[in-house]
């Protein structure tokens, strides 16, 4: 019976990941056509204690190819306790002295807290004060590519969407710990793209996410989800998708890839993943919930294969075959994502990472049922 359950679980897992791989290939790469810019954007960036990262972010903003008059940057201070605001002000003064017109397009506002979610409040505060029709959210620890806004603009001109989800990955040092995290986010990005390819979006990342301000208002923003600390991206995606699914697009373009940094230690990684997991029980998307459950069961089955074989509940040959099947289908999705993000070199760490990941994912899933998490100096209760 145990052997049969393991076989059925891995077969279902194989089918689900296979469907996502099919969906990944269905989304075509978006190519820039050098169209004259038409779209104006309000870039919303909440920040809290980001003194270390803000200079890199602002430097990447100064290098954007898009005309300065076509975008504004709203930095929302969420009660920072470090020198974040002073650093921004210093950089803006330097830009003013250099007579860089970009200085006049960047402003800092204070977060207006009204809910249990500081980040959602920050985005709402910025949108209330935004000047333009299109909102793009990103994070303070990100680096933006040169043709970021050009790519969004051309996608809008060509496809006329209401909402755009775009790619995110990690960069930084090449320690195994960082490679493990990057492979993890690549697998999530692969699943994200695959979900859009089969018209069943699973997730998105608020570090590279755009929507019309009118759509945000029409779906009542974060109302209904504001008791949940995280989920400033997925809940808006769900609302807009439910209203007009054909108007939601995935921007599969290398020139739109936003990069950020992996966390620095195991404790931060656990807290980050607990934060991500905390919103899953509140998804309205049944397909996303089912995929999440199947992935969890697939990883749990892999964990149990060795003790099951040792106790003679399953033959070693079947246990090895099931692990190889899961290993192979995971690698195929990861390979496609790594190739798109031009991070194929990280696949050298896949073998070892694939042995660790089932333990890590099951541990986080188990922990998320009863444990609160800490983020940006705040404790968030379940």
Protein backbone atom coordinates (compact mmCIF):
# COMPACT_ATOMS: atom_id res chain seq x y z
CA UNK A 1 0.00 0.00 0.00
CA UNK A 2 2.81 2.45 0.89
CA UNK A 3 4.60 1.66 -2.36
CA UNK A 4 1.40 2.27 -4.33
CA UNK A 5 0.78 5.62 -2.62
CA UNK A 6 4.36 6.71 -3.33
CA UNK A 7 4.05 5.71 -7.00
CA UNK A 8 0.72 7.53 -7.41
CA UNK A 9 2.07 10.67 -5.71
CA UNK A 10 5.16 10.85 -7.92
CA UNK A 11 3.13 10.17 -11.07
CA UNK A 12 0.77 13.05 -10.21
CA UNK A 13 3.80 15.22 -9.39
CA UNK A 14 5.35 14.29 -12.74
CA UNK A 15 2.15 15.25 -14.57
CA UNK A 16 1.80 18.64 -12.77
CA UNK A 17 5.42 19.71 -13.34
CA UNK A 18 5.19 18.43 -16.92
CA UNK A 19 2.17 20.66 -17.50
CA UNK A 20 4.08 23.66 -16.10
CA UNK A 21 7.02 22.87 -18.42
CA UNK A 22 4.58 22.81 -21.33
CA UNK A 23 3.20 26.17 -20.16
CA UNK A 24 6.70 27.63 -19.85
CA UNK A 25 7.35 26.94 -23.52
CA UNK A 26 3.96 28.39 -24.50
CA UNK A 27 5.01 31.88 -23.35
CA UNK A 28 7.08 33.45 -26.10
CA UNK A 29 10.04 35.69 -25.37
CA UNK A 30 9.06 39.35 -25.73
CA UNK A 31 11.40 41.29 -28.03
CA UNK A 32 11.81 45.06 -27.99
CA UNK A 33 10.82 46.78 -31.24
CA UNK A 34 12.26 50.22 -30.45
CA UNK A 35 8.83 51.88 -30.33
CA UNK A 36 8.64 55.53 -29.21
CA UNK A 37 7.71 55.62 -25.50
CA UNK A 38 4.09 56.45 -24.70
CA UNK A 39 3.33 55.10 -21.22
CA UNK A 40 3.87 57.07 -18.03
CA UNK A 41 4.68 55.13 -14.86
CA UNK A 42 4.57 55.67 -11.11
CA UNK A 43 7.25 53.45 -9.58
CA UNK A 44 6.33 52.53 -6.00
CA UNK A 45 9.10 51.37 -3.65
CA UNK A 46 8.33 50.72 0.04
CA UNK A 47 11.41 50.60 2.25
CA UNK A 48 12.29 49.90 5.86
CA UNK A 49 15.90 49.84 7.12
CA UNK A 50 17.41 49.55 3.63
CA UNK A 51 20.44 51.84 4.05
CA UNK A 52 22.72 49.15 2.62
CA UNK A 53 20.65 48.54 -0.50
CA UNK A 54 19.20 51.93 -1.45
CA UNK A 55 22.36 53.30 -3.14
CA UNK A 56 22.39 50.36 -5.57
CA UNK A 57 18.68 50.76 -6.30
CA UNK A 58 18.92 54.52 -6.90
CA UNK A 59 22.02 54.07 -9.04
CA UNK A 60 20.10 51.64 -11.27
CA UNK A 61 17.22 54.14 -11.50
CA UNK A 62 19.61 56.84 -12.75
CA UNK A 63 20.68 54.46 -15.52
CA UNK A 64 17.18 53.72 -16.81
CA UNK A 65 16.91 54.41 -20.54
CA UNK A 66 13.37 55.80 -20.26
CA UNK A 67 12.69 59.56 -20.54
CA UNK A 68 12.70 61.18 -17.08
CA UNK A 69 9.46 63.02 -17.75
CA UNK A 70 7.64 59.76 -18.32
CA UNK A 71 8.01 58.32 -14.83
CA UNK A 72 8.09 59.21 -11.17
CA UNK A 73 9.57 57.32 -8.24
CA UNK A 74 7.71 57.23 -4.93
CA UNK A 75 9.81 55.90 -2.05
CA UNK A 76 7.63 55.05 0.94
CA UNK A 77 9.37 55.16 4.31
CA UNK A 78 7.90 52.44 6.54
CA UNK A 79 9.26 53.71 9.88
CA UNK A 80 12.92 53.09 9.07
CA UNK A 81 15.20 53.04 12.09
CA UNK A 82 18.47 53.41 10.19
CA UNK A 83 19.86 56.10 7.85
CA UNK A 84 17.72 55.14 4.84
CA UNK A 85 16.01 58.53 4.51
CA UNK A 86 19.27 60.46 4.98
CA UNK A 87 20.95 58.36 2.31
CA UNK A 88 18.15 59.02 -0.18
CA UNK A 89 18.23 62.75 0.57
CA UNK A 90 21.99 62.83 0.13
CA UNK A 91 21.77 61.11 -3.25
CA UNK A 92 19.01 63.45 -4.39
CA UNK A 93 21.11 66.48 -3.40
CA UNK A 94 24.00 65.11 -5.43
CA UNK A 95 21.73 64.62 -8.45
CA UNK A 96 20.43 68.19 -8.06
CA UNK A 97 23.98 69.58 -7.96
CA UNK A 98 24.72 67.63 -11.13
CA UNK A 99 21.59 69.24 -12.64
CA UNK A 100 20.13 65.80 -13.22
CA UNK A 101 16.39 66.21 -13.86
CA UNK A 102 15.79 62.81 -12.32
CA UNK A 103 16.12 64.40 -8.86
CA UNK A 104 12.76 66.12 -9.32
CA UNK A 105 11.00 62.84 -10.19
CA UNK A 106 11.99 61.04 -6.97
CA UNK A 107 10.22 61.77 -3.70
CA UNK A 108 9.92 60.28 -0.24
CA UNK A 109 6.61 59.93 1.56
CA UNK A 110 5.67 58.45 4.93
CA UNK A 111 3.69 55.26 5.22
CA UNK A 112 0.13 55.75 6.45
CA UNK A 113 -0.66 52.69 8.57
CA UNK A 114 -4.27 51.51 8.44
CA UNK A 115 -4.01 47.70 8.47
CA UNK A 116 -2.04 44.69 9.68
CA UNK A 117 0.20 44.84 6.60
CA UNK A 118 2.81 47.64 6.54
CA UNK A 119 3.83 46.95 2.95
CA UNK A 120 0.27 46.97 1.65
CA UNK A 121 -0.32 50.24 3.49
CA UNK A 122 2.85 51.66 1.92
CA UNK A 123 1.73 50.74 -1.60
CA UNK A 124 -1.74 52.14 -0.97
CA UNK A 125 -0.25 55.37 0.42
CA UNK A 126 1.89 55.77 -2.70
CA UNK A 127 -0.91 55.01 -5.12
CA UNK A 128 -3.05 57.72 -3.49
CA UNK A 129 -0.32 60.25 -4.26
CA UNK A 130 0.73 58.87 -7.66
CA UNK A 131 0.47 61.01 -10.79
CA UNK A 132 0.36 58.41 -13.54
CA UNK A 133 -2.03 55.69 -14.70
CA UNK A 134 0.41 52.78 -14.50
CA UNK A 135 1.80 51.58 -11.17
CA UNK A 136 4.97 49.46 -11.00
CA UNK A 137 6.06 48.04 -7.68
CA UNK A 138 9.56 46.93 -6.83
CA UNK A 139 11.64 46.48 -3.67
CA UNK A 140 14.38 48.59 -2.13
CA UNK A 141 16.91 45.75 -2.31
CA UNK A 142 16.51 45.38 -6.09
CA UNK A 143 18.55 46.48 -9.08
CA UNK A 144 16.58 47.53 -12.16
CA UNK A 145 17.75 46.77 -15.73
CA UNK A 146 18.46 49.62 -18.16
CA UNK A 147 15.53 48.89 -20.48
CA UNK A 148 13.08 47.96 -17.72
CA UNK A 149 10.49 50.65 -18.42
CA UNK A 150 10.98 50.45 -22.20
CA UNK A 151 10.01 46.78 -22.07
CA UNK A 152 6.91 47.43 -19.97
CA UNK A 153 5.93 50.31 -22.27
CA UNK A 154 6.16 48.23 -25.43
CA UNK A 155 4.27 45.36 -23.82
CA UNK A 156 1.50 47.83 -22.95
CA UNK A 157 1.46 49.36 -26.42
CA UNK A 158 1.33 45.99 -28.18
CA UNK A 159 -0.88 43.92 -25.84
CA UNK A 160 -3.06 46.53 -24.07
CA UNK A 161 -3.00 44.69 -20.70
CA UNK A 162 -4.37 45.82 -17.33
CA UNK A 163 -1.75 43.95 -15.32
CA UNK A 164 1.79 42.69 -16.03
CA UNK A 165 3.85 40.14 -14.10
CA UNK A 166 7.58 40.18 -14.84
CA UNK A 167 10.70 38.14 -13.93
CA UNK A 168 12.85 38.33 -10.78
CA UNK A 169 16.02 36.50 -9.81
CA UNK A 170 18.94 36.69 -7.39
CA UNK A 171 22.50 37.79 -7.98
CA UNK A 172 25.49 38.20 -5.72
CA UNK A 173 28.20 35.97 -4.30
CA UNK A 174 28.49 32.38 -5.50
CA UNK A 175 28.55 30.49 -2.20
CA UNK A 176 26.55 27.26 -2.09
CA UNK A 177 24.05 28.91 0.26
CA UNK A 178 23.37 31.64 -2.32
CA UNK A 179 23.24 29.15 -5.19
CA UNK A 180 20.69 27.09 -3.24
CA UNK A 181 18.47 30.15 -2.81
CA UNK A 182 18.86 31.16 -6.45
CA UNK A 183 17.94 27.69 -7.68
CA UNK A 184 14.88 27.86 -5.43
CA UNK A 185 13.72 31.20 -6.83
CA UNK A 186 14.43 29.98 -10.38
CA UNK A 187 12.11 27.02 -9.76
CA UNK A 188 9.43 29.42 -8.51
CA UNK A 189 9.91 31.65 -11.55
CA UNK A 190 9.72 28.62 -13.82
CA UNK A 191 6.43 27.60 -12.20
CA UNK A 192 5.16 31.19 -12.45
CA UNK A 193 5.86 31.37 -16.18
CA UNK A 194 4.43 27.87 -16.68
CA UNK A 195 1.25 28.81 -14.87
CA UNK A 196 0.70 31.78 -17.16
CA UNK A 197 1.41 29.55 -20.16
CA UNK A 198 -1.55 27.30 -19.28
CA UNK A 199 -3.74 30.25 -18.28
CA UNK A 200 -3.61 29.27 -14.59
CA UNK A 201 -1.43 31.85 -12.82
CA UNK A 202 0.08 30.45 -9.62
CA UNK A 203 2.01 33.41 -8.23
CA UNK A 204 3.84 36.63 -8.96
CA UNK A 205 6.55 38.72 -7.34
CA UNK A 206 5.93 42.26 -6.09
CA UNK A 207 9.54 43.14 -6.93
CA UNK A 208 8.49 43.34 -10.60
CA UNK A 209 4.75 43.83 -10.90
CA UNK A 210 2.65 46.42 -12.74
CA UNK A 211 -1.02 47.29 -13.02
CA UNK A 212 -3.30 50.15 -13.94
CA UNK A 213 -4.16 52.41 -11.03
CA UNK A 214 -7.79 52.29 -12.14
CA UNK A 215 -7.74 48.48 -11.80
CA UNK A 216 -6.29 48.69 -8.29
CA UNK A 217 -9.10 51.06 -7.33
CA UNK A 218 -11.82 49.04 -9.07
CA UNK A 219 -10.92 45.86 -7.15
CA UNK A 220 -10.78 47.87 -3.90
CA UNK A 221 -7.05 47.48 -3.52
CA UNK A 222 -6.07 45.19 -0.65
CA UNK A 223 -9.50 45.24 0.97
CA UNK A 224 -10.30 41.75 2.19
CA UNK A 225 -6.62 40.80 2.48
CA UNK A 226 -5.35 43.60 4.71
CA UNK A 227 -5.36 41.41 7.82
CA UNK A 228 -2.64 39.27 6.18
CA UNK A 229 0.81 40.78 6.54
CA UNK A 230 2.27 39.47 3.27
CA UNK A 231 0.74 38.98 -0.18
CA UNK A 232 0.91 42.52 -1.57
CA UNK A 233 1.36 40.95 -5.02
CA UNK A 234 -0.60 37.69 -5.32
CA UNK A 235 -3.89 39.00 -3.90
CA UNK A 236 -3.99 41.91 -6.37
CA UNK A 237 -3.13 39.49 -9.18
CA UNK A 238 -5.98 37.20 -8.12
CA UNK A 239 -8.47 40.07 -8.04
CA UNK A 240 -7.48 41.51 -11.42
CA UNK A 241 -7.30 38.04 -13.00
CA UNK A 242 -10.79 37.18 -11.77
CA UNK A 243 -12.14 40.39 -13.27
CA UNK A 244 -10.37 40.25 -16.66
CA UNK A 245 -8.08 37.23 -17.17
CA UNK A 246 -7.27 38.07 -20.79
CA UNK A 247 -5.90 41.44 -19.69
CA UNK A 248 -3.19 39.94 -17.44
CA UNK A 249 0.15 39.23 -19.14
CA UNK A 250 3.48 37.71 -18.24
CA UNK A 251 6.38 39.77 -19.60
CA UNK A 252 8.90 37.10 -20.55
CA UNK A 253 11.77 39.37 -21.48
CA UNK A 254 15.42 39.25 -20.42
CA UNK A 255 15.48 43.04 -20.54
CA UNK A 256 12.78 43.19 -17.86
CA UNK A 257 14.54 40.96 -15.31
CA UNK A 258 14.84 42.62 -11.90
CA UNK A 259 17.62 41.26 -9.70
CA UNK A 260 17.84 41.20 -5.94
CA UNK A 261 20.04 39.63 -3.29
CA UNK A 262 19.59 36.36 -1.40
CA UNK A 263 19.39 36.55 2.38
CA UNK A 264 22.61 36.24 4.37
CA UNK A 265 22.01 33.38 6.78
CA UNK A 266 19.82 30.37 7.57
CA UNK A 267 17.64 32.17 10.11
CA UNK A 268 16.81 34.94 7.62
CA UNK A 269 16.00 32.31 4.99
CA UNK A 270 13.62 30.50 7.34
CA UNK A 271 11.90 33.77 8.29
CA UNK A 272 11.59 34.74 4.62
CA UNK A 273 10.07 31.41 3.63
CA UNK A 274 7.69 31.48 6.60
CA UNK A 275 6.57 34.92 5.42
CA UNK A 276 5.97 33.56 1.92
CA UNK A 277 4.12 30.51 3.27
CA UNK A 278 1.91 32.59 5.58
CA UNK A 279 -0.30 33.79 2.72
CA UNK A 280 -0.91 30.47 0.95
CA UNK A 281 -3.88 29.41 3.11
CA UNK A 282 -5.65 32.60 2.03
CA UNK A 283 -5.31 32.02 -1.72
CA UNK A 284 -8.60 32.05 -3.62
CA UNK A 285 -6.96 30.19 -6.49
CA UNK A 286 -7.83 26.50 -6.06
CA UNK A 287 -5.36 25.48 -8.77
CA UNK A 288 -2.47 27.18 -6.96
CA UNK A 289 -3.47 25.47 -3.73
CA UNK A 290 -3.59 22.07 -5.45
CA UNK A 291 -0.20 22.55 -7.07
CA UNK A 292 1.28 23.63 -3.73
CA UNK A 293 -0.15 20.54 -2.04
CA UNK A 294 1.14 18.21 -4.77
CA UNK A 295 4.62 19.75 -4.60
CA UNK A 296 4.62 19.33 -0.81
CA UNK A 297 3.49 15.71 -1.09
CA UNK A 298 6.14 15.07 -3.75
CA UNK A 299 8.89 16.36 -1.47
CA UNK A 300 7.48 14.50 1.53
CA UNK A 301 7.40 11.27 -0.49
CA UNK A 302 11.06 11.72 -1.40
CA UNK A 303 11.91 12.12 2.28
CA UNK A 304 10.12 8.90 3.15
CA UNK A 305 11.57 6.76 0.34
CA UNK A 306 14.77 5.87 2.16
CA UNK A 307 13.21 4.85 5.52
CA UNK A 308 10.41 3.03 3.63
CA UNK A 309 13.00 1.04 1.69
CA UNK A 310 14.98 0.33 4.86
CA UNK A 311 11.85 -1.02 6.57
CA UNK A 312 10.93 -3.08 3.47
CA UNK A 313 7.73 -1.15 2.77
CA UNK A 314 9.06 -0.45 -0.72
CA UNK A 315 11.79 -2.09 -2.78
CA UNK A 316 15.05 -0.18 -3.24
CA UNK A 317 14.62 -0.28 -7.03
CA UNK A 318 11.22 1.42 -6.85
CA UNK A 319 12.50 3.98 -4.35
CA UNK A 320 15.45 4.87 -6.60
CA UNK A 321 13.23 5.00 -9.69
CA UNK A 322 10.76 7.38 -8.02
CA UNK A 323 13.54 9.66 -6.84
CA UNK A 324 15.11 9.72 -10.33
CA UNK A 325 11.73 10.59 -11.88
CA UNK A 326 11.23 13.53 -9.52
CA UNK A 327 14.86 14.61 -9.86
CA UNK A 328 14.61 14.59 -13.67
CA UNK A 329 11.34 16.47 -14.07
CA UNK A 330 12.45 19.10 -11.54
CA UNK A 331 15.72 19.50 -13.42
CA UNK A 332 13.95 20.03 -16.74
CA UNK A 333 11.82 22.91 -15.39
CA UNK A 334 14.81 24.38 -13.60
CA UNK A 335 16.97 24.09 -16.73
CA UNK A 336 14.45 26.03 -18.79
CA UNK A 337 14.23 28.76 -16.14
CA UNK A 338 18.03 28.92 -15.71
CA UNK A 339 18.50 29.21 -19.47
CA UNK A 340 16.01 32.07 -19.69
CA UNK A 341 17.70 33.92 -16.82
CA UNK A 342 21.17 33.04 -18.19
CA UNK A 343 22.14 31.32 -14.94
CA UNK A 344 22.88 27.85 -16.27
CA UNK A 345 26.14 27.71 -14.30
CA UNK A 346 24.10 27.32 -11.11
CA UNK A 347 22.86 23.92 -12.28
CA UNK A 348 26.19 22.46 -11.16
CA UNK A 349 24.80 22.73 -7.62
CA UNK A 350 21.51 21.07 -8.50
CA UNK A 351 22.44 17.54 -7.42
CA UNK A 352 23.32 18.49 -3.86
CA UNK A 353 20.51 21.06 -3.64
CA UNK A 354 17.94 18.47 -4.73
CA UNK A 355 18.95 16.28 -1.79
CA UNK A 356 18.57 19.12 0.69
CA UNK A 357 15.47 20.78 -0.70
CA UNK A 358 12.84 18.17 0.33
CA UNK A 359 13.99 18.46 3.95
CA UNK A 360 13.91 22.25 3.77
CA UNK A 361 10.52 22.59 2.06
CA UNK A 362 8.75 20.08 4.32
CA UNK A 363 10.29 21.71 7.41
CA UNK A 364 9.03 25.16 6.34
CA UNK A 365 5.57 23.80 5.54
CA UNK A 366 5.36 22.12 8.94
CA UNK A 367 6.66 25.19 10.77
CA UNK A 368 4.26 27.54 8.97
CA UNK A 369 1.21 25.93 10.58
CA UNK A 370 1.99 27.25 14.05
CA UNK A 371 5.02 29.54 14.08
CA UNK A 372 5.07 33.32 13.67
CA UNK A 373 7.91 35.01 11.80
CA UNK A 374 10.13 38.06 12.12
CA UNK A 375 10.73 40.46 9.25
CA UNK A 376 12.39 43.89 9.08
CA UNK A 377 12.58 44.07 12.86
CA UNK A 378 8.91 43.22 13.34
CA UNK A 379 7.26 40.09 14.72
CA UNK A 380 4.23 38.89 12.78
CA UNK A 381 1.81 36.51 14.50
CA UNK A 382 -0.01 33.70 12.75
